Amino acid sequence: MKHHWLREAVAYGGTPILFYGTLYGTLGLLFLAGSRFLDPNMAPVGAILLATGLVFPTIFVIVAYFQRGLSPRGLG
């Protein structure tokens, strides 16, 4: 039985990506919450951390997609 390309990619190398994406996302949310109560200057740092936490898994999915050769352009 052939596995889906994304499940296979996550099984082989997705654990660190998901861990660091969650870590950066959580830190970003904590910084954004802290900016409301402690210091408003923490908000840009929180936004950058949150964006980084969202970019990691997105790039992982894009790279896994092209690595499996399933793109319409056939780059794989």
PDB file of N, CA and C in Angstrom:
ATOM      1  N   MET A   1       0.843  -1.178   0.000  1.00  0.00           N
ATOM      2  CA  MET A   1       0.000   0.000   0.000  1.00  0.00           C
ATOM      3  C   MET A   1       0.887   1.239   0.000  1.00  0.00           C
ATOM      4  N   LYS A   2       0.642   2.107  -0.954  1.00  0.00           N
ATOM      5  CA  LYS A   2       1.451   3.316  -1.068  1.00  0.00           C
ATOM      6  C   LYS A   2       0.928   4.385  -0.110  1.00  0.00           C
ATOM      7  N   HIS A   3       1.876   4.989   0.617  1.00  0.00           N
ATOM      8  CA  HIS A   3       1.509   6.032   1.561  1.00  0.00           C
ATOM      9  C   HIS A   3       1.427   7.374   0.845  1.00  0.00           C
ATOM     10  N   HIS A   4       0.676   8.255   1.429  1.00  0.00           N
ATOM     11  CA  HIS A   4       0.565   9.606   0.902  1.00  0.00           C
ATOM     12  C   HIS A   4       1.923  10.296   1.049  1.00  0.00           C
ATOM     13  N   TRP A   5       2.297  11.143   0.119  1.00  0.00           N
ATOM     14  CA  TRP A   5       3.625  11.751   0.106  1.00  0.00           C
ATOM     15  C   TRP A   5       3.866  12.616   1.342  1.00  0.00           C
ATOM     16  N   LEU A   6       2.841  13.276   1.849  1.00  0.00           N
ATOM     17  CA  LEU A   6       3.037  14.125   3.018  1.00  0.00           C
ATOM     18  C   LEU A   6       3.199  13.297   4.288  1.00  0.00           C
ATOM     19  N   ARG A   7       2.437  12.227   4.417  1.00  0.00           N
ATOM     20  CA  ARG A   7       2.606  11.339   5.577  1.00  0.00           C
ATOM     21  C   ARG A   7       3.991  10.716   5.593  1.00  0.00           C
ATOM     22  N   GLU A   8       4.459  10.327   4.420  1.00  0.00           N
ATOM     23  CA  GLU A   8       5.792   9.736   4.329  1.00  0.00           C
ATOM     24  C   GLU A   8       6.873  10.752   4.690  1.00  0.00           C
ATOM     25  N   ALA A   9       6.728  11.986   4.226  1.00  0.00           N
ATOM     26  CA  ALA A   9       7.706  13.026   4.535  1.00  0.00           C
ATOM     27  C   ALA A   9       7.718  13.347   6.021  1.00  0.00           C
ATOM     28  N   VAL A  10       6.551  13.413   6.640  1.00  0.00           N
ATOM     29  CA  VAL A  10       6.476  13.695   8.074  1.00  0.00           C
ATOM     30  C   VAL A  10       7.072  12.536   8.867  1.00  0.00           C
ATOM     31  N   ALA A  11       6.848  11.320   8.417  1.00  0.00           N
ATOM     32  CA  ALA A  11       7.401  10.166   9.118  1.00  0.00           C
ATOM     33  C   ALA A  11       8.920  10.146   9.056  1.00  0.00           C
ATOM     34  N   TYR A  12       9.489  10.579   7.939  1.00  0.00           N
ATOM     35  CA  TYR A  12      10.939  10.528   7.794  1.00  0.00           C
ATOM     36  C   TYR A  12      11.654  11.720   8.410  1.00  0.00           C
ATOM     37  N   GLY A  13      11.082  12.912   8.335  1.00  0.00           N
ATOM     38  CA  GLY A  13      11.831  14.067   8.815  1.00  0.00           C
ATOM     39  C   GLY A  13      11.005  15.195   9.373  1.00  0.00           C
ATOM     40  N   GLY A  14       9.769  14.941   9.695  1.00  0.00           N
ATOM     41  CA  GLY A  14       8.899  16.016  10.113  1.00  0.00           C
ATOM     42  C   GLY A  14       8.936  16.352  11.586  1.00  0.00           C
ATOM     43  N   THR A  15       9.475  15.466  12.398  1.00  0.00           N
ATOM     44  CA  THR A  15       9.455  15.695  13.841  1.00  0.00           C
ATOM     45  C   THR A  15      10.199  16.967  14.248  1.00  0.00           C
ATOM     46  N   PRO A  16      11.425  17.191  13.786  1.00  0.00           N
ATOM     47  CA  PRO A  16      12.091  18.446  14.180  1.00  0.00           C
ATOM     48  C   PRO A  16      11.379  19.692  13.640  1.00  0.00           C
ATOM     49  N   ILE A  17      10.861  19.596  12.434  1.00  0.00           N
ATOM     50  CA  ILE A  17      10.163  20.737  11.847  1.00  0.00           C
ATOM     51  C   ILE A  17       8.920  21.077  12.655  1.00  0.00           C
ATOM     52  N   LEU A  18       8.147  20.066  13.003  1.00  0.00           N
ATOM     53  CA  LEU A  18       6.946  20.311  13.802  1.00  0.00           C
ATOM     54  C   LEU A  18       7.300  20.805  15.198  1.00  0.00           C
ATOM     55  N   PHE A  19       8.365  20.265  15.777  1.00  0.00           N
ATOM     56  CA  PHE A  19       8.789  20.702  17.114  1.00  0.00           C
ATOM     57  C   PHE A  19       9.201  22.166  17.096  1.00  0.00           C
ATOM     58  N   TYR A  20      10.094  22.539  16.169  1.00  0.00           N
ATOM     59  CA  TYR A  20      10.569  23.918  16.143  1.00  0.00           C
ATOM     60  C   TYR A  20       9.483  24.884  15.687  1.00  0.00           C
ATOM     61  N   GLY A  21       8.614  24.454  14.786  1.00  0.00           N
ATOM     62  CA  GLY A  21       7.491  25.305  14.397  1.00  0.00           C
ATOM     63  C   GLY A  21       6.575  25.585  15.574  1.00  0.00           C
ATOM     64  N   THR A  22       6.289  24.542  16.366  1.00  0.00           N
ATOM     65  CA  THR A  22       5.456  24.719  17.553  1.00  0.00           C
ATOM     66  C   THR A  22       6.160  25.575  18.598  1.00  0.00           C
ATOM     67  N   LEU A  23       7.463  25.356  18.771  1.00  0.00           N
ATOM     68  CA  LEU A  23       8.234  26.121  19.744  1.00  0.00           C
ATOM     69  C   LEU A  23       8.231  27.609  19.401  1.00  0.00           C
ATOM     70  N   TYR A  24       8.562  27.933  18.149  1.00  0.00           N
ATOM     71  CA  TYR A  24       8.585  29.339  17.745  1.00  0.00           C
ATOM     72  C   TYR A  24       7.184  29.956  17.789  1.00  0.00           C
ATOM     73  N   GLY A  25       6.179  29.196  17.390  1.00  0.00           N
ATOM     74  CA  GLY A  25       4.816  29.708  17.448  1.00  0.00           C
ATOM     75  C   GLY A  25       4.368  30.001  18.865  1.00  0.00           C
ATOM     76  N   THR A  26       4.697  29.098  19.789  1.00  0.00           N
ATOM     77  CA  THR A  26       4.333  29.299  21.197  1.00  0.00           C
ATOM     78  C   THR A  26       5.072  30.497  21.790  1.00  0.00           C
ATOM     79  N   LEU A  27       6.363  30.597  21.502  1.00  0.00           N
ATOM     80  CA  LEU A  27       7.113  31.758  21.990  1.00  0.00           C
ATOM     81  C   LEU A  27       6.566  33.058  21.408  1.00  0.00           C
ATOM     82  N   GLY A  28       6.195  33.021  20.141  1.00  0.00           N
ATOM     83  CA  GLY A  28       5.616  34.209  19.521  1.00  0.00           C
ATOM     84  C   GLY A  28       4.313  34.628  20.186  1.00  0.00           C
ATOM     85  N   LEU A  29       3.464  33.647  20.483  1.00  0.00           N
ATOM     86  CA  LEU A  29       2.215  33.969  21.176  1.00  0.00           C
ATOM     87  C   LEU A  29       2.470  34.493  22.581  1.00  0.00           C
ATOM     88  N   LEU A  30       3.456  33.925  23.274  1.00  0.00           N
ATOM     89  CA  LEU A  30       3.798  34.426  24.610  1.00  0.00           C
ATOM     90  C   LEU A  30       4.319  35.861  24.545  1.00  0.00           C
ATOM     91  N   PHE A  31       5.142  36.159  23.558  1.00  0.00           N
ATOM     92  CA  PHE A  31       5.638  37.523  23.402  1.00  0.00           C
ATOM     93  C   PHE A  31       4.502  38.485  23.067  1.00  0.00           C
ATOM     94  N   LEU A  32       3.581  38.046  22.205  1.00  0.00           N
ATOM     95  CA  LEU A  32       2.453  38.912  21.876  1.00  0.00           C
ATOM     96  C   LEU A  32       1.554  39.145  23.081  1.00  0.00           C
ATOM     97  N   ALA A  33       1.347  38.104  23.884  1.00  0.00           N
ATOM     98  CA  ALA A  33       0.556  38.275  25.106  1.00  0.00           C
ATOM     99  C   ALA A  33       1.289  39.156  26.106  1.00  0.00           C
ATOM    100  N   GLY A  34       2.604  38.993  26.204  1.00  0.00           N
ATOM    101  CA  GLY A  34       3.397  39.812  27.120  1.00  0.00           C
ATOM    102  C   GLY A  34       3.445  41.266  26.706  1.00  0.00           C
ATOM    103  N   SER A  35       3.313  41.522  25.408  1.00  0.00           N
ATOM    104  CA  SER A  35       3.362  42.912  24.960  1.00  0.00           C
ATOM    105  C   SER A  35       2.124  43.690  25.410  1.00  0.00           C
ATOM    106  N   ARG A  36       1.046  42.987  25.671  1.00  0.00           N
ATOM    107  CA  ARG A  36      -0.166  43.679  26.148  1.00  0.00           C
ATOM    108  C   ARG A  36      -0.017  44.120  27.593  1.00  0.00           C
ATOM    109  N   PHE A  37       0.751  43.382  28.394  1.00  0.00           N
ATOM    110  CA  PHE A  37       0.829  43.651  29.826  1.00  0.00           C
ATOM    111  C   PHE A  37       2.180  44.202  30.281  1.00  0.00           C
ATOM    112  N   LEU A  38       3.260  43.788  29.646  1.00  0.00           N
ATOM    113  CA  LEU A  38       4.587  44.170  30.125  1.00  0.00           C
ATOM    114  C   LEU A  38       5.193  45.334  29.348  1.00  0.00           C
ATOM    115  N   ASP A  39       5.469  45.106  28.079  1.00  0.00           N
ATOM    116  CA  ASP A  39       6.160  46.116  27.279  1.00  0.00           C
ATOM    117  C   ASP A  39       5.657  46.035  25.841  1.00  0.00           C
ATOM    118  N   PRO A  40       5.126  47.104  25.287  1.00  0.00           N
ATOM    119  CA  PRO A  40       4.617  47.057  23.913  1.00  0.00           C
ATOM    120  C   PRO A  40       5.698  46.776  22.865  1.00  0.00           C
ATOM    121  N   ASN A  41       6.954  46.989  23.215  1.00  0.00           N
ATOM    122  CA  ASN A  41       8.037  46.729  22.266  1.00  0.00           C
ATOM    123  C   ASN A  41       8.280  45.245  22.032  1.00  0.00           C
ATOM    124  N   MET A  42       7.611  44.382  22.792  1.00  0.00           N
ATOM    125  CA  MET A  42       7.755  42.944  22.595  1.00  0.00           C
ATOM    126  C   MET A  42       6.912  42.445  21.416  1.00  0.00           C
ATOM    127  N   ALA A  43       5.968  43.233  20.952  1.00  0.00           N
ATOM    128  CA  ALA A  43       5.050  42.796  19.895  1.00  0.00           C
ATOM    129  C   ALA A  43       5.747  42.471  18.575  1.00  0.00           C
ATOM    130  N   PRO A  44       6.689  43.299  18.092  1.00  0.00           N
ATOM    131  CA  PRO A  44       7.338  42.930  16.827  1.00  0.00           C
ATOM    132  C   PRO A  44       8.140  41.625  16.926  1.00  0.00           C
ATOM    133  N   VAL A  45       8.771  41.410  18.055  1.00  0.00           N
ATOM    134  CA  VAL A  45       9.522  40.167  18.243  1.00  0.00           C
ATOM    135  C   VAL A  45       8.562  38.982  18.247  1.00  0.00           C
ATOM    136  N   GLY A  46       7.431  39.139  18.904  1.00  0.00           N
ATOM    137  CA  GLY A  46       6.428  38.079  18.917  1.00  0.00           C
ATOM    138  C   GLY A  46       5.879  37.796  17.532  1.00  0.00           C
ATOM    139  N   ALA A  47       5.667  38.842  16.753  1.00  0.00           N
ATOM    140  CA  ALA A  47       5.164  38.653  15.392  1.00  0.00           C
ATOM    141  C   ALA A  47       6.181  37.925  14.523  1.00  0.00           C
ATOM    142  N   ILE A  48       7.452  38.265  14.691  1.00  0.00           N
ATOM    143  CA  ILE A  48       8.508  37.590  13.921  1.00  0.00           C
ATOM    144  C   ILE A  48       8.609  36.128  14.325  1.00  0.00           C
ATOM    145  N   LEU A  49       8.552  35.850  15.624  1.00  0.00           N
ATOM    146  CA  LEU A  49       8.614  34.461  16.083  1.00  0.00           C
ATOM    147  C   LEU A  49       7.407  33.664  15.600  1.00  0.00           C
ATOM    148  N   LEU A  50       6.237  34.257  15.637  1.00  0.00           N
ATOM    149  CA  LEU A  50       5.036  33.576  15.174  1.00  0.00           C
ATOM    150  C   LEU A  50       5.100  33.318  13.673  1.00  0.00           C
ATOM    151  N   ALA A  51       5.573  34.277  12.920  1.00  0.00           N
ATOM    152  CA  ALA A  51       5.721  34.077  11.474  1.00  0.00           C
ATOM    153  C   ALA A  51       6.736  32.988  11.168  1.00  0.00           C
ATOM    154  N   THR A  52       7.827  32.953  11.925  1.00  0.00           N
ATOM    155  CA  THR A  52       8.825  31.907  11.744  1.00  0.00           C
ATOM    156  C   THR A  52       8.231  30.537  12.048  1.00  0.00           C
ATOM    157  N   GLY A  53       7.416  30.466  13.086  1.00  0.00           N
ATOM    158  CA  GLY A  53       6.759  29.212  13.422  1.00  0.00           C
ATOM    159  C   GLY A  53       5.793  28.738  12.349  1.00  0.00           C
ATOM    160  N   LEU A  54       5.256  29.647  11.560  1.00  0.00           N
ATOM    161  CA  LEU A  54       4.367  29.274  10.468  1.00  0.00           C
ATOM    162  C   LEU A  54       5.125  28.980   9.176  1.00  0.00           C
ATOM    163  N   VAL A  55       6.276  29.620   9.004  1.00  0.00           N
ATOM    164  CA  VAL A  55       7.051  29.429   7.778  1.00  0.00           C
ATOM    165  C   VAL A  55       7.757  28.071   7.769  1.00  0.00           C
ATOM    166  N   PHE A  56       8.244  27.605   8.910  1.00  0.00           N
ATOM    167  CA  PHE A  56       8.945  26.316   8.959  1.00  0.00           C
ATOM    168  C   PHE A  56       8.116  25.176   8.369  1.00  0.00           C
ATOM    169  N   PRO A  57       6.899  24.934   8.856  1.00  0.00           N
ATOM    170  CA  PRO A  57       6.123  23.826   8.278  1.00  0.00           C
ATOM    171  C   PRO A  57       5.718  24.070   6.826  1.00  0.00           C
ATOM    172  N   THR A  58       5.503  25.333   6.463  1.00  0.00           N
ATOM    173  CA  THR A  58       5.130  25.632   5.082  1.00  0.00           C
ATOM    174  C   THR A  58       6.259  25.285   4.121  1.00  0.00           C
ATOM    175  N   ILE A  59       7.466  25.681   4.450  1.00  0.00           N
ATOM    176  CA  ILE A  59       8.622  25.356   3.616  1.00  0.00           C
ATOM    177  C   ILE A  59       8.841  23.844   3.572  1.00  0.00           C
ATOM    178  N   PHE A  60       8.616  23.170   4.701  1.00  0.00           N
ATOM    179  CA  PHE A  60       8.752  21.716   4.748  1.00  0.00           C
ATOM    180  C   PHE A  60       7.787  21.051   3.772  1.00  0.00           C
ATOM    181  N   VAL A  61       6.544  21.502   3.734  1.00  0.00           N
ATOM    182  CA  VAL A  61       5.557  20.914   2.832  1.00  0.00           C
ATOM    183  C   VAL A  61       5.930  21.195   1.382  1.00  0.00           C
ATOM    184  N   ILE A  62       6.406  22.388   1.091  1.00  0.00           N
ATOM    185  CA  ILE A  62       6.799  22.724  -0.284  1.00  0.00           C
ATOM    186  C   ILE A  62       7.976  21.866  -0.732  1.00  0.00           C
ATOM    187  N   VAL A  63       8.978  21.732   0.118  1.00  0.00           N
ATOM    188  CA  VAL A  63      10.148  20.919  -0.233  1.00  0.00           C
ATOM    189  C   VAL A  63       9.755  19.448  -0.372  1.00  0.00           C
ATOM    190  N   ALA A  64       8.911  18.948   0.508  1.00  0.00           N
ATOM    191  CA  ALA A  64       8.472  17.556   0.414  1.00  0.00           C
ATOM    192  C   ALA A  64       7.670  17.324  -0.862  1.00  0.00           C
ATOM    193  N   TYR A  65       6.877  18.290  -1.248  1.00  0.00           N
ATOM    194  CA  TYR A  65       6.084  18.165  -2.470  1.00  0.00           C
ATOM    195  C   TYR A  65       6.981  18.052  -3.693  1.00  0.00           C
ATOM    196  N   PHE A  66       7.967  18.928  -3.783  1.00  0.00           N
ATOM    197  CA  PHE A  66       8.853  18.881  -4.941  1.00  0.00           C
ATOM    198  C   PHE A  66       9.799  17.686  -4.888  1.00  0.00           C
ATOM    199  N   GLN A  67      10.139  17.226  -3.710  1.00  0.00           N
ATOM    200  CA  GLN A  67      11.029  16.087  -3.588  1.00  0.00           C
ATOM    201  C   GLN A  67      10.356  14.804  -4.068  1.00  0.00           C
ATOM    202  N   ARG A  68       9.082  14.669  -3.876  1.00  0.00           N
ATOM    203  CA  ARG A  68       8.368  13.468  -4.281  1.00  0.00           C
ATOM    204  C   ARG A  68       8.076  13.427  -5.776  1.00  0.00           C
ATOM    205  N   GLY A  69       8.305  14.520  -6.456  1.00  0.00           N
ATOM    206  CA  GLY A  69       8.104  14.534  -7.904  1.00  0.00           C
ATOM    207  C   GLY A  69       6.655  14.618  -8.311  1.00  0.00           C
ATOM    208  N   LEU A  70       5.796  15.147  -7.465  1.00  0.00           N
ATOM    209  CA  LEU A  70       4.382  15.225  -7.771  1.00  0.00           C
ATOM    210  C   LEU A  70       3.962  16.594  -8.258  1.00  0.00           C
ATOM    211  N   SER A  71       4.911  17.447  -8.536  1.00  0.00           N
ATOM    212  CA  SER A  71       4.555  18.796  -8.972  1.00  0.00           C
ATOM    213  C   SER A  71       4.082  18.752 -10.416  1.00  0.00           C
ATOM    214  N   PRO A  72       3.253  19.691 -10.812  1.00  0.00           N
ATOM    215  CA  PRO A  72       2.777  19.722 -12.194  1.00  0.00           C
ATOM    216  C   PRO A  72       3.903  19.958 -13.200  1.00  0.00           C
ATOM    217  N   ARG A  73       4.955  20.636 -12.770  1.00  0.00           N
ATOM    218  CA  ARG A  73       6.069  20.935 -13.675  1.00  0.00           C
ATOM    219  C   ARG A  73       7.045  19.769 -13.762  1.00  0.00           C
ATOM    220  N   GLY A  74       6.904  18.777 -12.883  1.00  0.00           N
ATOM    221  CA  GLY A  74       7.757  17.596 -12.935  1.00  0.00           C
ATOM    222  C   GLY A  74       9.196  17.863 -12.541  1.00  0.00           C
ATOM    223  N   LEU A  75       9.413  18.630 -11.493  1.00  0.00           N
ATOM    224  CA  LEU A  75      10.776  18.939 -11.077  1.00  0.00           C
ATOM    225  C   LEU A  75      11.425  17.818 -10.287  1.00  0.00           C
ATOM    226  N   GLY A  76      10.668  16.848  -9.816  1.00  0.00           N
ATOM    227  CA  GLY A  76      11.221  15.819  -8.960  1.00  0.00           C
ATOM    228  C   GLY A  76      11.810  14.741  -9.655  1.00  0.00           C
TER     229      GLY A  76
END
